[in-house]
Amino acid sequence: MIKETIKNRKNQRVVALIEESQNSKGLVFVMHGLSGNKEELHIQAIAEAFKEQDYSVIRFDTTNTFGESEGQFEDATVTNYYEDLEDVIEWSRKQKWYKEPFVLAGHSLGSICILLFAEKFPSKVKALAPISTVISGKLSLETKSHSQDIEEWKRGGVLVWKGHSGRIKRLKWSHMEDRLRYDVLKDINKIKVPVLLIVGEKDESTPVKHQKILYDALKCEKEFHIIKESEHTFKESKELTELKSLFEYWIKKLNSN
């Protein structure tokens, strides 16, 4: 494993982990969600599934998250996460292990970013795995996890809450203003590659009913799995094992095509 420091378009430091396969069958970029990082257990589980199937794996911390890259979480937006994905891919294009088309996998906000990338650059993408994905700002506003705080957030300008780890998080209202600009359903017909959707049964941030909207809109090879009892982020050993197993099965199918 190699750790690399990349400069994004704003000259900010983006830290990435590269695990190159010597007998590479392909390349995958794995992207975390809002406030996440490249070391999270579910991100590692996805990366391991690809690594064990002889893929070269790149995972990275976006700017404006709780990781090794620059920026403040309160400034996080879909736009800045998406631009960092583009910039990491552009940097990778100059490396000897780079291959096209590649696979994109993500969680939550990272997932909407990989979907947006595939709609913008369809020829570069071999397959997509948007897990617990944000679909649009509009649908985000309808979720239970957001609806109770919206007016207070908008009025005060900053949302403050305690994360599962006990960390106090602050996020500006400009995040939601930016998120409302995005809707992957508008250009979903541009996605022609295999897609893997996975969500937790008890996910309140990107609920099952929203994932079904995306699944029904996709006109490509696709599959959809619900991990029982799981919430938005997969943390328990059983959940992580199932997540990895679903990816392993899917990757084997990709390799056989």
C-alpha atoms as a PDB file:
ATOM      1  CA  MET A   1       0.000   0.000   0.000  1.00  0.00           C
ATOM      2  CA  ILE A   2       1.276   3.455  -0.931  1.00  0.00           C
ATOM      3  CA  LYS A   3       0.071   6.761   0.493  1.00  0.00           C
ATOM      4  CA  GLU A   4       0.091   9.653  -1.970  1.00  0.00           C
ATOM      5  CA  THR A   5      -0.582  13.355  -1.537  1.00  0.00           C
ATOM      6  CA  ILE A   6      -2.396  14.904  -4.493  1.00  0.00           C
ATOM      7  CA  LYS A   7      -3.149  18.563  -5.121  1.00  0.00           C
ATOM      8  CA  ASN A   8      -6.695  19.276  -6.239  1.00  0.00           C
ATOM      9  CA  ARG A   9      -7.827  22.125  -8.522  1.00  0.00           C
ATOM     10  CA  LYS A  10      -7.876  24.472  -5.509  1.00  0.00           C
ATOM     11  CA  ASN A  11      -4.294  23.511  -4.633  1.00  0.00           C
ATOM     12  CA  GLN A  12      -5.532  21.696  -1.536  1.00  0.00           C
ATOM     13  CA  ARG A  13      -3.910  18.533  -0.263  1.00  0.00           C
ATOM     14  CA  VAL A  14      -5.863  15.293  -0.932  1.00  0.00           C
ATOM     15  CA  VAL A  15      -4.473  12.116   0.648  1.00  0.00           C
ATOM     16  CA  ALA A  16      -5.015   8.805  -1.144  1.00  0.00           C
ATOM     17  CA  LEU A  17      -4.144   5.151  -0.540  1.00  0.00           C
ATOM     18  CA  ILE A  18      -3.134   3.102  -3.569  1.00  0.00           C
ATOM     19  CA  GLU A  19      -3.012  -0.705  -3.500  1.00  0.00           C
ATOM     20  CA  GLU A  20      -1.679  -1.842  -6.845  1.00  0.00           C
ATOM     21  CA  SER A  21      -2.346  -5.384  -8.010  1.00  0.00           C
ATOM     22  CA  GLN A  22       0.554  -7.011  -9.800  1.00  0.00           C
ATOM     23  CA  ASN A  23      -1.837  -9.079 -11.939  1.00  0.00           C
ATOM     24  CA  SER A  24      -4.482  -6.411 -12.214  1.00  0.00           C
ATOM     25  CA  LYS A  25      -7.859  -7.318 -13.679  1.00  0.00           C
ATOM     26  CA  GLY A  26      -9.004  -3.735 -13.360  1.00  0.00           C
ATOM     27  CA  LEU A  27      -9.008  -0.511 -11.388  1.00  0.00           C
ATOM     28  CA  VAL A  28     -11.517   0.744  -8.808  1.00  0.00           C
ATOM     29  CA  PHE A  29     -11.938   4.050  -7.002  1.00  0.00           C
ATOM     30  CA  VAL A  30     -13.702   3.771  -3.622  1.00  0.00           C
ATOM     31  CA  MET A  31     -15.220   6.947  -2.168  1.00  0.00           C
ATOM     32  CA  HIS A  32     -16.496   7.663   1.346  1.00  0.00           C
ATOM     33  CA  GLY A  33     -19.588   9.665   2.286  1.00  0.00           C
ATOM     34  CA  LEU A  34     -20.261  12.937   4.083  1.00  0.00           C
ATOM     35  CA  SER A  35     -17.871  13.362   7.056  1.00  0.00           C
ATOM     36  CA  GLY A  36     -16.404   9.911   6.296  1.00  0.00           C
ATOM     37  CA  ASN A  37     -12.863   8.840   5.475  1.00  0.00           C
ATOM     38  CA  LYS A  38     -10.884   6.236   3.581  1.00  0.00           C
ATOM     39  CA  GLU A  39     -10.244   4.184   6.751  1.00  0.00           C
ATOM     40  CA  GLU A  40     -13.900   3.489   7.650  1.00  0.00           C
ATOM     41  CA  LEU A  41     -14.733  -0.185   8.089  1.00  0.00           C
ATOM     42  CA  HIS A  42     -17.282  -0.317   5.254  1.00  0.00           C
ATOM     43  CA  ILE A  43     -14.876   1.479   2.903  1.00  0.00           C
ATOM     44  CA  GLN A  44     -12.149  -1.002   3.832  1.00  0.00           C
ATOM     45  CA  ALA A  45     -14.535  -3.941   3.316  1.00  0.00           C
ATOM     46  CA  ILE A  46     -15.347  -2.752  -0.214  1.00  0.00           C
ATOM     47  CA  ALA A  47     -11.666  -2.164  -0.970  1.00  0.00           C
ATOM     48  CA  GLU A  48     -10.726  -5.635   0.302  1.00  0.00           C
ATOM     49  CA  ALA A  49     -13.358  -7.302  -1.871  1.00  0.00           C
ATOM     50  CA  PHE A  50     -11.821  -5.724  -4.971  1.00  0.00           C
ATOM     51  CA  LYS A  51      -8.228  -6.300  -3.851  1.00  0.00           C
ATOM     52  CA  GLU A  52      -8.888 -10.003  -3.315  1.00  0.00           C
ATOM     53  CA  GLN A  53     -10.234 -10.167  -6.880  1.00  0.00           C
ATOM     54  CA  ASP A  54      -6.956  -8.687  -8.220  1.00  0.00           C
ATOM     55  CA  TYR A  55      -8.086  -5.106  -8.748  1.00  0.00           C
ATOM     56  CA  SER A  56      -5.874  -2.108  -8.106  1.00  0.00           C
ATOM     57  CA  VAL A  57      -7.696  -0.040  -5.483  1.00  0.00           C
ATOM     58  CA  ILE A  58      -7.612   3.702  -4.819  1.00  0.00           C
ATOM     59  CA  ARG A  59      -9.419   5.200  -1.844  1.00  0.00           C
ATOM     60  CA  PHE A  60      -8.995   8.767  -0.663  1.00  0.00           C
ATOM     61  CA  ASP A  61     -10.108  11.399   1.808  1.00  0.00           C
ATOM     62  CA  THR A  62     -11.936  14.264   0.143  1.00  0.00           C
ATOM     63  CA  THR A  63     -11.228  17.781   1.316  1.00  0.00           C
ATOM     64  CA  ASN A  64     -13.645  19.107   3.956  1.00  0.00           C
ATOM     65  CA  THR A  65     -14.073  15.853   5.843  1.00  0.00           C
ATOM     66  CA  PHE A  66     -12.630  14.184   8.932  1.00  0.00           C
ATOM     67  CA  GLY A  67      -9.558  12.650   7.353  1.00  0.00           C
ATOM     68  CA  GLU A  68      -6.016  13.499   6.294  1.00  0.00           C
ATOM     69  CA  SER A  69      -6.896  15.900   3.485  1.00  0.00           C
ATOM     70  CA  GLU A  70      -7.198  19.666   3.865  1.00  0.00           C
ATOM     71  CA  GLY A  71     -10.318  21.707   4.595  1.00  0.00           C
ATOM     72  CA  GLN A  72     -13.005  22.033   7.255  1.00  0.00           C
ATOM     73  CA  PHE A  73     -15.998  19.706   7.458  1.00  0.00           C
ATOM     74  CA  GLU A  74     -18.421  22.610   7.912  1.00  0.00           C
ATOM     75  CA  ASP A  75     -17.588  23.684   4.343  1.00  0.00           C
ATOM     76  CA  ALA A  76     -18.375  20.277   2.787  1.00  0.00           C
ATOM     77  CA  THR A  77     -20.532  20.197  -0.363  1.00  0.00           C
ATOM     78  CA  VAL A  78     -21.469  17.715  -3.058  1.00  0.00           C
ATOM     79  CA  THR A  79     -19.548  19.966  -5.452  1.00  0.00           C
ATOM     80  CA  ASN A  80     -16.277  19.843  -3.543  1.00  0.00           C
ATOM     81  CA  TYR A  81     -16.525  16.057  -3.015  1.00  0.00           C
ATOM     82  CA  TYR A  82     -17.293  15.540  -6.711  1.00  0.00           C
ATOM     83  CA  GLU A  83     -14.449  17.800  -7.868  1.00  0.00           C
ATOM     84  CA  ASP A  84     -12.020  15.892  -5.660  1.00  0.00           C
ATOM     85  CA  LEU A  85     -13.141  12.637  -7.305  1.00  0.00           C
ATOM     86  CA  GLU A  86     -12.477  14.123 -10.730  1.00  0.00           C
ATOM     87  CA  ASP A  87      -9.087  15.422  -9.606  1.00  0.00           C
ATOM     88  CA  VAL A  88      -7.993  12.096  -8.092  1.00  0.00           C
ATOM     89  CA  ILE A  89      -8.987  10.311 -11.304  1.00  0.00           C
ATOM     90  CA  GLU A  90      -7.136  12.878 -13.404  1.00  0.00           C
ATOM     91  CA  TRP A  91      -3.999  12.420 -11.274  1.00  0.00           C
ATOM     92  CA  SER A  92      -4.351   8.637 -11.579  1.00  0.00           C
ATOM     93  CA  ARG A  93      -4.516   8.897 -15.377  1.00  0.00           C
ATOM     94  CA  LYS A  94      -0.783   9.694 -15.366  1.00  0.00           C
ATOM     95  CA  GLN A  95       0.182   6.651 -13.275  1.00  0.00           C
ATOM     96  CA  LYS A  96       1.445   3.346 -14.683  1.00  0.00           C
ATOM     97  CA  TRP A  97      -1.316   1.310 -13.012  1.00  0.00           C
ATOM     98  CA  TYR A  98      -4.156   3.353 -14.521  1.00  0.00           C
ATOM     99  CA  LYS A  99      -6.726   1.466 -16.603  1.00  0.00           C
ATOM    100  CA  GLU A 100      -9.893   2.431 -18.424  1.00  0.00           C
ATOM    101  CA  PRO A 101     -12.701   1.731 -18.147  1.00  0.00           C
ATOM    102  CA  PHE A 102     -12.613   1.535 -14.346  1.00  0.00           C
ATOM    103  CA  VAL A 103     -15.096   0.705 -11.590  1.00  0.00           C
ATOM    104  CA  LEU A 104     -16.469   3.317  -9.185  1.00  0.00           C
ATOM    105  CA  ALA A 105     -17.771   2.424  -5.721  1.00  0.00           C
ATOM    106  CA  GLY A 106     -19.015   4.824  -3.082  1.00  0.00           C
ATOM    107  CA  HIS A 107     -21.096   5.318   0.027  1.00  0.00           C
ATOM    108  CA  SER A 108     -23.785   7.972   0.567  1.00  0.00           C
ATOM    109  CA  LEU A 109     -22.515  11.365  -0.654  1.00  0.00           C
ATOM    110  CA  GLY A 110     -19.643   9.553  -2.347  1.00  0.00           C
ATOM    111  CA  SER A 111     -22.213   7.517  -4.244  1.00  0.00           C
ATOM    112  CA  ILE A 112     -23.995  10.497  -5.768  1.00  0.00           C
ATOM    113  CA  CYS A 113     -20.548  11.684  -6.875  1.00  0.00           C
ATOM    114  CA  ILE A 114     -19.740   8.440  -8.698  1.00  0.00           C
ATOM    115  CA  LEU A 115     -23.164   8.480 -10.373  1.00  0.00           C
ATOM    116  CA  LEU A 116     -22.634  12.069 -11.519  1.00  0.00           C
ATOM    117  CA  PHE A 117     -19.199  11.139 -12.875  1.00  0.00           C
ATOM    118  CA  ALA A 118     -20.602   8.176 -14.807  1.00  0.00           C
ATOM    119  CA  GLU A 119     -23.288  10.392 -16.338  1.00  0.00           C
ATOM    120  CA  LYS A 120     -20.669  12.954 -17.379  1.00  0.00           C
ATOM    121  CA  PHE A 121     -18.000  10.476 -18.577  1.00  0.00           C
ATOM    122  CA  PRO A 122     -19.842   7.248 -19.451  1.00  0.00           C
ATOM    123  CA  SER A 123     -17.056   5.820 -21.613  1.00  0.00           C
ATOM    124  CA  LYS A 124     -14.587   5.844 -18.697  1.00  0.00           C
ATOM    125  CA  VAL A 125     -16.707   3.690 -16.386  1.00  0.00           C
ATOM    126  CA  LYS A 126     -16.932  -0.117 -16.447  1.00  0.00           C
ATOM    127  CA  ALA A 127     -19.394  -0.564 -13.552  1.00  0.00           C
ATOM    128  CA  LEU A 128     -20.888   1.324 -10.611  1.00  0.00           C
ATOM    129  CA  ALA A 129     -21.595   0.464  -6.976  1.00  0.00           C
ATOM    130  CA  PRO A 130     -23.437   3.387  -5.334  1.00  0.00           C
ATOM    131  CA  ILE A 131     -24.099   2.146  -1.790  1.00  0.00           C
ATOM    132  CA  SER A 132     -26.692   3.878   0.441  1.00  0.00           C
ATOM    133  CA  THR A 133     -26.652   6.577  -2.187  1.00  0.00           C
ATOM    134  CA  VAL A 134     -27.868  10.145  -2.073  1.00  0.00           C
ATOM    135  CA  ILE A 135     -30.021  10.547  -5.198  1.00  0.00           C
ATOM    136  CA  SER A 136     -30.983  14.218  -5.158  1.00  0.00           C
ATOM    137  CA  GLY A 137     -31.176  17.206  -2.869  1.00  0.00           C
ATOM    138  CA  LYS A 138     -34.945  17.145  -3.227  1.00  0.00           C
ATOM    139  CA  LEU A 139     -35.220  13.577  -1.955  1.00  0.00           C
ATOM    140  CA  SER A 140     -32.757  14.357   0.855  1.00  0.00           C
ATOM    141  CA  LEU A 141     -35.123  17.026   2.145  1.00  0.00           C
ATOM    142  CA  GLU A 142     -37.889  14.422   2.399  1.00  0.00           C
ATOM    143  CA  THR A 143     -35.979  12.052   4.694  1.00  0.00           C
ATOM    144  CA  LYS A 144     -36.714  11.753   8.384  1.00  0.00           C
ATOM    145  CA  SER A 145     -33.066  12.442   9.227  1.00  0.00           C
ATOM    146  CA  HIS A 146     -33.286  15.919   7.661  1.00  0.00           C
ATOM    147  CA  SER A 147     -36.910  17.036   7.907  1.00  0.00           C
ATOM    148  CA  GLN A 148     -36.862  17.741  11.651  1.00  0.00           C
ATOM    149  CA  ASP A 149     -33.873  20.072  11.418  1.00  0.00           C
ATOM    150  CA  ILE A 150     -34.402  21.884   8.118  1.00  0.00           C
ATOM    151  CA  GLU A 151     -36.014  25.104   9.333  1.00  0.00           C
ATOM    152  CA  GLU A 152     -33.675  25.449  12.283  1.00  0.00           C
ATOM    153  CA  TRP A 153     -30.682  24.713  10.052  1.00  0.00           C
ATOM    154  CA  LYS A 154     -31.770  27.241   7.450  1.00  0.00           C
ATOM    155  CA  ARG A 155     -32.548  29.883  10.069  1.00  0.00           C
ATOM    156  CA  GLY A 156     -29.340  29.447  12.048  1.00  0.00           C
ATOM    157  CA  GLY A 157     -27.060  28.860   9.081  1.00  0.00           C
ATOM    158  CA  VAL A 158     -25.238  25.933  10.711  1.00  0.00           C
ATOM    159  CA  LEU A 159     -26.441  22.464  11.761  1.00  0.00           C
ATOM    160  CA  VAL A 160     -24.728  21.060  14.861  1.00  0.00           C
ATOM    161  CA  TRP A 161     -25.032  17.419  15.960  1.00  0.00           C
ATOM    162  CA  LYS A 162     -23.125  14.620  17.664  1.00  0.00           C
ATOM    163  CA  GLY A 163     -21.971  11.799  15.405  1.00  0.00           C
ATOM    164  CA  HIS A 164     -21.949   8.094  16.311  1.00  0.00           C
ATOM    165  CA  SER A 165     -18.328   8.433  17.446  1.00  0.00           C
ATOM    166  CA  GLY A 166     -19.240  11.257  19.838  1.00  0.00           C
ATOM    167  CA  ARG A 167     -17.623  13.879  17.622  1.00  0.00           C
ATOM    168  CA  ILE A 168     -19.475  17.203  17.399  1.00  0.00           C
ATOM    169  CA  LYS A 169     -20.156  18.042  13.751  1.00  0.00           C
ATOM    170  CA  ARG A 170     -21.015  21.405  12.231  1.00  0.00           C
ATOM    171  CA  LEU A 171     -22.286  21.836   8.671  1.00  0.00           C
ATOM    172  CA  LYS A 172     -23.270  25.082   6.962  1.00  0.00           C
ATOM    173  CA  TRP A 173     -26.676  25.547   5.322  1.00  0.00           C
ATOM    174  CA  SER A 174     -24.767  26.209   2.085  1.00  0.00           C
ATOM    175  CA  HIS A 175     -24.274  22.432   1.965  1.00  0.00           C
ATOM    176  CA  MET A 176     -27.990  21.874   1.433  1.00  0.00           C
ATOM    177  CA  GLU A 177     -28.241  24.764  -1.037  1.00  0.00           C
ATOM    178  CA  ASP A 178     -25.496  23.066  -3.044  1.00  0.00           C
ATOM    179  CA  ARG A 179     -27.058  19.588  -2.697  1.00  0.00           C
ATOM    180  CA  LEU A 180     -30.345  20.872  -4.109  1.00  0.00           C
ATOM    181  CA  ARG A 181     -28.546  21.554  -7.399  1.00  0.00           C
ATOM    182  CA  TYR A 182     -28.075  17.819  -7.991  1.00  0.00           C
ATOM    183  CA  ASP A 183     -30.390  15.041  -9.158  1.00  0.00           C
ATOM    184  CA  VAL A 184     -28.925  11.913 -10.752  1.00  0.00           C
ATOM    185  CA  LEU A 185     -32.325  10.884 -12.092  1.00  0.00           C
ATOM    186  CA  LYS A 186     -32.239  13.646 -14.731  1.00  0.00           C
ATOM    187  CA  ASP A 187     -29.532  11.901 -16.791  1.00  0.00           C
ATOM    188  CA  ILE A 188     -29.913   8.357 -15.504  1.00  0.00           C
ATOM    189  CA  ASN A 189     -30.426   7.075 -19.076  1.00  0.00           C
ATOM    190  CA  LYS A 190     -26.722   7.775 -19.714  1.00  0.00           C
ATOM    191  CA  ILE A 191     -25.763   4.952 -17.365  1.00  0.00           C
ATOM    192  CA  LYS A 192     -25.479   1.757 -19.404  1.00  0.00           C
ATOM    193  CA  VAL A 193     -23.028  -0.238 -17.265  1.00  0.00           C
ATOM    194  CA  PRO A 194     -23.754  -2.820 -14.521  1.00  0.00           C
ATOM    195  CA  VAL A 195     -24.899  -1.235 -11.246  1.00  0.00           C
ATOM    196  CA  LEU A 196     -24.885  -2.673  -7.725  1.00  0.00           C
ATOM    197  CA  LEU A 197     -27.200  -1.040  -5.160  1.00  0.00           C
ATOM    198  CA  ILE A 198     -27.025  -1.915  -1.450  1.00  0.00           C
ATOM    199  CA  VAL A 199     -28.781  -0.196   1.460  1.00  0.00           C
ATOM    200  CA  GLY A 200     -29.507  -0.856   5.115  1.00  0.00           C
ATOM    201  CA  GLU A 201     -33.037  -1.873   6.043  1.00  0.00           C
ATOM    202  CA  LYS A 202     -33.219   0.847   8.725  1.00  0.00           C
ATOM    203  CA  ASP A 203     -31.448   3.583   6.779  1.00  0.00           C
ATOM    204  CA  GLU A 204     -33.175   6.920   7.457  1.00  0.00           C
ATOM    205  CA  SER A 205     -30.744   9.106   5.466  1.00  0.00           C
ATOM    206  CA  THR A 206     -31.018   7.304   2.127  1.00  0.00           C
ATOM    207  CA  PRO A 207     -33.999   5.008   2.774  1.00  0.00           C
ATOM    208  CA  VAL A 208     -34.962   1.852   0.951  1.00  0.00           C
ATOM    209  CA  LYS A 209     -37.891   3.565  -0.804  1.00  0.00           C
ATOM    210  CA  HIS A 210     -35.532   6.110  -2.360  1.00  0.00           C
ATOM    211  CA  GLN A 211     -33.129   3.400  -3.513  1.00  0.00           C
ATOM    212  CA  LYS A 212     -36.069   1.669  -5.205  1.00  0.00           C
ATOM    213  CA  ILE A 213     -36.775   4.881  -7.134  1.00  0.00           C
ATOM    214  CA  LEU A 214     -33.231   4.803  -8.482  1.00  0.00           C
ATOM    215  CA  TYR A 215     -33.362   1.056  -9.173  1.00  0.00           C
ATOM    216  CA  ASP A 216     -36.570   1.415 -11.173  1.00  0.00           C
ATOM    217  CA  ALA A 217     -35.135   4.355 -13.152  1.00  0.00           C
ATOM    218  CA  LEU A 218     -31.971   2.488 -14.186  1.00  0.00           C
ATOM    219  CA  LYS A 219     -32.218   0.872 -17.617  1.00  0.00           C
ATOM    220  CA  CYS A 220     -29.122  -1.319 -17.438  1.00  0.00           C
ATOM    221  CA  GLU A 221     -27.889  -4.522 -15.838  1.00  0.00           C
ATOM    222  CA  LYS A 222     -28.610  -3.975 -12.153  1.00  0.00           C
ATOM    223  CA  GLU A 223     -29.116  -5.607  -8.784  1.00  0.00           C
ATOM    224  CA  PHE A 224     -30.432  -4.368  -5.447  1.00  0.00           C
ATOM    225  CA  HIS A 225     -29.786  -5.761  -1.959  1.00  0.00           C
ATOM    226  CA  ILE A 226     -31.084  -4.763   1.472  1.00  0.00           C
ATOM    227  CA  ILE A 227     -28.970  -5.591   4.522  1.00  0.00           C
ATOM    228  CA  LYS A 228     -31.386  -6.441   7.326  1.00  0.00           C
ATOM    229  CA  GLU A 229     -31.314  -4.438  10.561  1.00  0.00           C
ATOM    230  CA  SER A 230     -28.557  -2.156   9.240  1.00  0.00           C
ATOM    231  CA  GLU A 231     -28.733   1.617   9.385  1.00  0.00           C
ATOM    232  CA  HIS A 232     -27.096   4.094   6.999  1.00  0.00           C
ATOM    233  CA  THR A 233     -23.505   3.132   7.774  1.00  0.00           C
ATOM    234  CA  PHE A 234     -22.506  -0.531   8.023  1.00  0.00           C
ATOM    235  CA  LYS A 235     -20.605  -1.008  11.287  1.00  0.00           C
ATOM    236  CA  GLU A 236     -21.397  -4.382  12.815  1.00  0.00           C
ATOM    237  CA  SER A 237     -19.284  -7.405  11.914  1.00  0.00           C
ATOM    238  CA  LYS A 238     -22.266  -9.265  10.421  1.00  0.00           C
ATOM    239  CA  GLU A 239     -23.198  -6.275   8.238  1.00  0.00           C
ATOM    240  CA  LEU A 240     -19.636  -5.810   7.021  1.00  0.00           C
ATOM    241  CA  THR A 241     -19.316  -9.505   6.186  1.00  0.00           C
ATOM    242  CA  GLU A 242     -22.538  -9.401   4.157  1.00  0.00           C
ATOM    243  CA  LEU A 243     -21.475  -6.179   2.420  1.00  0.00           C
ATOM    244  CA  LYS A 244     -18.150  -7.699   1.405  1.00  0.00           C
ATOM    245  CA  SER A 245     -19.810 -10.955   0.261  1.00  0.00           C
ATOM    246  CA  LEU A 246     -22.253  -9.073  -1.961  1.00  0.00           C
ATOM    247  CA  PHE A 247     -19.367  -7.216  -3.548  1.00  0.00           C
ATOM    248  CA  GLU A 248     -17.339 -10.398  -4.056  1.00  0.00           C
ATOM    249  CA  TYR A 249     -20.193 -12.082  -5.900  1.00  0.00           C
ATOM    250  CA  TRP A 250     -20.809  -8.988  -8.040  1.00  0.00           C
ATOM    251  CA  ILE A 251     -17.118  -8.546  -8.903  1.00  0.00           C
ATOM    252  CA  LYS A 252     -16.876 -12.190 -10.020  1.00  0.00           C
ATOM    253  CA  LYS A 253     -19.786 -11.568 -12.379  1.00  0.00           C
ATOM    254  CA  LEU A 254     -18.045  -8.461 -13.743  1.00  0.00           C
ATOM    255  CA  ASN A 255     -14.892 -10.462 -14.377  1.00  0.00           C
ATOM    256  CA  SER A 256     -16.795 -13.167 -16.233  1.00  0.00           C
ATOM    257  CA  ASN A 257     -18.411 -10.717 -18.675  1.00  0.00           C
END
